[in-house]
Every structure is written in C-alpha cells, then in structure tokens.
Protein backbone atom coordinates (compact mmCIF):
# COMPACT_ATOMS: atom_id res chain seq x y z
CA MET A 1 34.08 21.03 15.09
CA LYS A 2 33.30 20.24 18.73
CA ALA A 3 35.96 21.37 21.49
CA SER A 4 37.63 18.77 22.77
CA THR A 5 37.72 18.05 26.98
CA LYS A 6 40.79 19.55 26.89
CA ASP A 7 39.75 23.35 25.82
CA LYS A 8 36.66 23.17 28.22
CA LEU A 9 36.88 25.57 31.59
CA PRO A 10 37.06 23.30 34.77
CA ALA A 11 33.62 23.62 36.02
CA PRO A 12 34.27 25.81 39.07
CA VAL A 13 35.83 28.34 36.82
CA SER A 14 33.04 28.08 34.35
CA HIS A 15 30.52 28.75 37.81
CA MET A 16 32.62 31.71 38.71
CA VAL A 17 32.92 33.44 35.27
CA SER A 18 28.79 32.82 34.68
CA ALA A 19 28.09 34.51 38.10
CA MET A 20 30.46 36.91 37.52
CA SER A 21 28.85 38.06 34.12
CA GLY A 22 25.33 37.73 35.77
CA GLU A 23 25.76 39.83 39.00
CA VAL A 24 27.46 42.51 36.84
CA ALA A 25 24.35 42.68 34.36
CA ALA A 26 22.18 42.16 37.31
CA CYS A 27 23.68 45.58 38.95
CA LEU A 28 22.77 47.70 36.58
CA VAL A 29 19.45 47.70 38.03
CA ARG A 30 20.08 46.85 41.30
CA VAL A 31 22.75 49.45 42.04
CA PRO A 32 19.71 52.36 41.39
CA ALA A 33 17.14 50.17 43.36
CA GLU A 34 19.68 49.66 46.43
CA VAL A 35 20.45 53.44 46.85
CA ILE A 36 16.46 54.71 46.34
CA LYS A 37 15.65 51.90 49.13
CA GLN A 38 18.66 52.86 51.17
CA ARG A 39 17.85 56.56 51.21
CA THR A 40 14.41 55.94 51.98
CA GLN A 41 14.79 53.53 55.21
CA ALA A 42 17.07 55.86 56.07
CA GLY A 43 14.60 59.05 56.15
CA VAL A 44 16.61 61.06 53.91
CA VAL A 45 14.45 63.37 52.18
CA GLY A 46 13.79 63.61 48.34
CA ILE A 47 11.62 66.02 46.81
CA GLY A 48 8.63 67.90 48.31
CA GLY A 49 10.39 66.94 51.78
CA LYS A 50 9.38 63.55 52.00
CA SER A 51 11.08 60.26 52.77
CA THR A 52 9.28 58.20 50.20
CA SER A 53 11.12 56.08 47.58
CA TRP A 54 9.22 58.18 44.67
CA ALA A 55 10.28 61.39 46.68
CA ASN A 56 14.22 59.96 46.82
CA LEU A 57 13.91 58.39 42.94
CA GLN A 58 13.04 62.05 41.93
CA TYR A 59 15.88 63.99 43.80
CA LEU A 60 18.17 61.74 42.27
CA LEU A 61 16.61 62.23 38.82
CA LYS A 62 16.28 66.01 39.31
CA ASN A 63 19.77 66.18 40.17
CA LYS A 64 19.78 68.04 43.64
CA SER A 65 22.59 66.38 45.02
CA GLY A 66 24.72 68.13 42.29
CA GLU A 67 27.24 64.86 41.47
CA GLY A 68 25.10 64.28 38.12
CA VAL A 69 22.39 61.48 37.57
CA ILE A 70 24.01 58.68 36.41
CA ARG A 71 26.99 59.46 39.31
CA GLY A 72 23.92 59.88 41.83
CA LEU A 73 22.09 56.69 40.81
CA TYR A 74 24.94 54.70 40.39
CA ARG A 75 26.43 55.74 43.68
CA GLY A 76 28.35 52.50 45.32
CA TRP A 77 28.29 51.01 42.11
CA ASN A 78 32.24 50.04 42.63
CA THR A 79 31.69 48.73 45.93
CA THR A 80 28.85 46.86 45.00
CA ILE A 81 30.81 45.16 42.35
CA MET A 82 33.34 44.62 45.10
CA ARG A 83 31.10 42.84 47.20
CA GLU A 84 28.77 41.03 44.30
CA ILE A 85 31.96 39.01 42.66
CA PRO A 86 33.39 37.94 45.54
CA PHE A 87 29.86 36.40 47.08
CA THR A 88 29.10 34.56 44.01
CA VAL A 89 32.42 33.68 43.41
CA ILE A 90 32.13 31.83 46.86
CA GLN A 91 28.61 30.87 46.43
CA PHE A 92 28.04 29.31 43.26
CA PRO A 93 30.95 27.08 43.09
CA LEU A 94 30.31 26.31 46.54
CA TYR A 95 27.01 25.62 45.63
CA GLU A 96 27.70 22.99 43.00
CA LYS A 97 30.33 21.32 45.10
CA LEU A 98 27.67 20.53 47.83
CA LYS A 99 25.45 19.05 45.18
CA LEU A 100 28.15 16.80 43.68
CA LEU A 101 29.13 15.65 46.82
CA TRP A 102 25.65 15.00 48.23
CA SER A 103 24.33 13.12 45.05
CA SER A 104 27.57 11.35 44.64
CA TYR A 105 27.19 10.18 48.24
CA ASP A 106 23.33 9.48 47.51
CA ASN A 107 24.09 7.97 44.02
CA ALA A 108 20.85 9.71 42.87
CA GLU A 109 19.54 13.30 41.66
CA LEU A 110 19.02 16.27 44.32
CA SER A 111 15.46 16.62 45.64
CA LEU A 112 14.26 20.36 46.08
CA LEU A 113 15.07 20.04 49.93
CA LYS A 114 18.72 18.62 49.35
CA GLY A 115 19.34 22.08 46.67
CA ALA A 116 17.94 23.93 49.22
CA ILE A 117 20.06 22.90 52.19
CA CYS A 118 23.05 23.31 49.86
CA GLY A 119 21.78 26.57 48.53
CA SER A 120 21.63 27.62 51.99
CA ILE A 121 24.98 26.65 53.07
CA ALA A 122 26.65 28.39 50.31
CA GLY A 123 24.70 31.37 50.67
CA GLY A 124 25.80 31.40 54.57
CA VAL A 125 29.19 30.80 53.75
CA ALA A 126 29.10 34.09 51.24
CA ALA A 127 27.22 35.81 53.23
CA ALA A 128 29.34 35.99 56.29
CA SER A 129 32.82 36.11 54.27
CA THR A 130 31.66 39.54 52.43
CA THR A 131 29.65 41.39 55.29
CA PRO A 132 33.03 43.96 55.33
CA LEU A 133 32.25 44.56 52.01
CA ASP A 134 28.36 45.00 52.89
CA VAL A 135 29.10 47.22 55.29
CA ILE A 136 31.02 49.73 53.24
CA LYS A 137 29.01 49.65 50.43
CA THR A 138 25.98 50.72 52.51
CA ARG A 139 27.89 53.46 54.16
CA ILE A 140 29.28 54.72 50.82
CA MET A 141 25.79 54.86 49.50
CA LEU A 142 24.29 56.65 52.42
CA HIS A 143 27.05 59.22 52.87
CA SER A 144 25.93 62.52 52.85
CA GLU A 145 28.53 63.26 49.88
CA ARG A 146 31.01 61.12 47.89
CA VAL A 147 33.80 59.81 49.13
CA LYS A 148 36.44 57.00 48.64
CA VAL A 149 36.81 53.97 49.81
CA SER A 150 39.71 53.97 51.60
CA VAL A 151 39.13 57.39 53.35
CA LEU A 152 35.92 55.92 54.20
CA VAL A 153 37.40 52.87 55.77
CA LYS A 154 40.11 54.51 57.73
CA GLN A 155 37.40 56.73 59.16
CA MET A 156 35.05 54.04 59.95
CA ILE A 157 37.98 52.04 62.03
CA ALA A 158 39.58 54.97 63.76
CA GLU A 159 36.17 56.02 64.80
CA GLU A 160 34.48 52.67 65.80
CA GLY A 161 37.09 50.17 65.29
CA TYR A 162 37.34 46.97 63.49
CA GLY A 163 34.27 45.72 64.80
CA VAL A 164 32.22 47.99 62.26
CA LEU A 165 33.48 45.76 59.53
CA TRP A 166 31.16 42.95 60.74
CA LYS A 167 28.09 44.69 62.11
CA GLY A 168 25.01 42.65 61.35
CA VAL A 169 26.93 39.89 60.25
CA GLY A 170 24.35 37.30 61.88
CA PRO A 171 21.26 38.90 60.35
CA ARG A 172 23.16 38.95 56.64
CA THR A 173 24.02 35.39 57.09
CA SER A 174 20.70 34.41 58.47
CA TRP A 175 18.43 36.16 55.42
CA VAL A 176 20.84 35.36 52.84
CA SER A 177 20.77 31.76 53.89
CA ALA A 178 17.01 31.58 53.92
CA GLY A 179 17.15 33.27 50.70
CA GLY A 180 19.79 30.93 49.22
CA ALA A 181 17.62 27.90 50.71
CA ILE A 182 14.30 29.47 48.33
CA PHE A 183 15.92 30.09 45.12
CA LEU A 184 18.56 27.63 44.46
CA GLY A 185 16.10 25.00 46.02
CA CYS A 186 13.66 26.29 43.51
CA TYR A 187 16.17 26.31 40.47
CA GLU A 188 17.02 23.00 41.21
CA LEU A 189 13.20 21.71 40.59
CA VAL A 190 12.74 23.68 38.04
CA HIS A 191 15.96 22.82 36.29
CA THR A 192 15.27 18.73 37.21
CA ASN A 193 11.88 19.07 35.81
CA LEU A 194 12.99 20.78 32.52
CA LEU A 195 15.51 18.14 32.14
CA SER A 196 13.23 15.42 32.79
CA ALA A 197 10.59 17.05 30.17
CA LEU A 198 13.36 17.36 27.73
CA LYS A 199 14.45 13.81 28.04
CA ALA A 200 10.87 12.60 27.72
CA LYS A 201 10.03 14.60 24.76
CA ALA A 202 13.43 13.17 23.30
CA LEU A 203 12.25 9.30 23.89
CA GLU A 204 8.86 10.36 22.02
C-alpha cells in the first residue's frame, strides 16, 4: 500500500535527515583521515621521528599516544559530527530551496551553471555559519592530549578572545563555496542526465 501524501516527510526534513545520515557514515572514514592530515600539516612527529602521513598513521596504530588506537584515530569525532551535522542541515535544504526558486522563476530545469551557483551559495553560507565549530574541532584534533570541549573553548576565549572562534572564516567560506559549486554542480549535471536517459528508455 502506497503512503499517502500526508504520510510523507516535508521536503526540508527529508533533506536534513538524508544529509545527516550521509555525513555520519562519511565521518567513519573522514575523521581518521583528518586526524592524520592535520597532524602532518602541523608538523607533529610520528614513528621514526618523521612528520609524514604514513609515520603519523603508524604512530596512532601502534598507540604511541597511550589513548588507545580507536580513540586516537577518532579524536575529534564528537566535534566533527557537531560541525558536520549543522553544516549539512544548512547546506542541503538551502541548496534544494534555491534550486526550486530558480527553476520556478525560469520555469525550466536547472543548468549545470545554475546548479553550481546554488551549490556555491549554499556551501558558503553553511561554511561561514559553522566556522566556530570547525575551529574547535581543529584545536581538539591537534591538542597534545585529550581535552573536554568546554574546557578547551573556555581556554581559547580566555587567551585569545571571542575572535578566535572566527579565525579562517574567509578562506573556509571561499574554498567550501568553490567546492560546493563543483560538487553540487556536477551532481546536478549527472542527476539530470540520468533522469533524461531513464525517461528516454521508458519511452522506448
């Protein structure tokens, strides 16, 4: 039996739930990669006295930090999720809304360029809004030892002021906007072409 229209989730809620589920799954891979990348970029020394991705991966796998392999690889998991969920909750519903408004205005399907512009705007807004969460996540991952979020935030504000939470907002907004344009623009192109191909096949 098909679900009635009343039983369906509102589109924005559906977009939010889908985006959150996808991000949680993606973070299973993203967080360890992010920890290793940031340790390497910060010049943290791993196995063999080298600051390379491989040396830092070995350092964590051999539990040289003493915090446990899983805890070491997934340091910053909570704050990454804390950043990614608000990010996707803002980005994807906003992207879908912009697409809907633009296609309704033009009375036509969105082109690659228009999809890219919507993706860029949505990504930029989401990136700027979640910059404080990104700063906190980075500080936790690079901290010399495990530390509570509340303790770290209080220390950051006491030593550097509230402005520290917005450090890097310009670069972050810029690169996420560019990434949103490419990622969501390509997504829109592939999605449109696949739908057209399926419709053409159905008419055969």
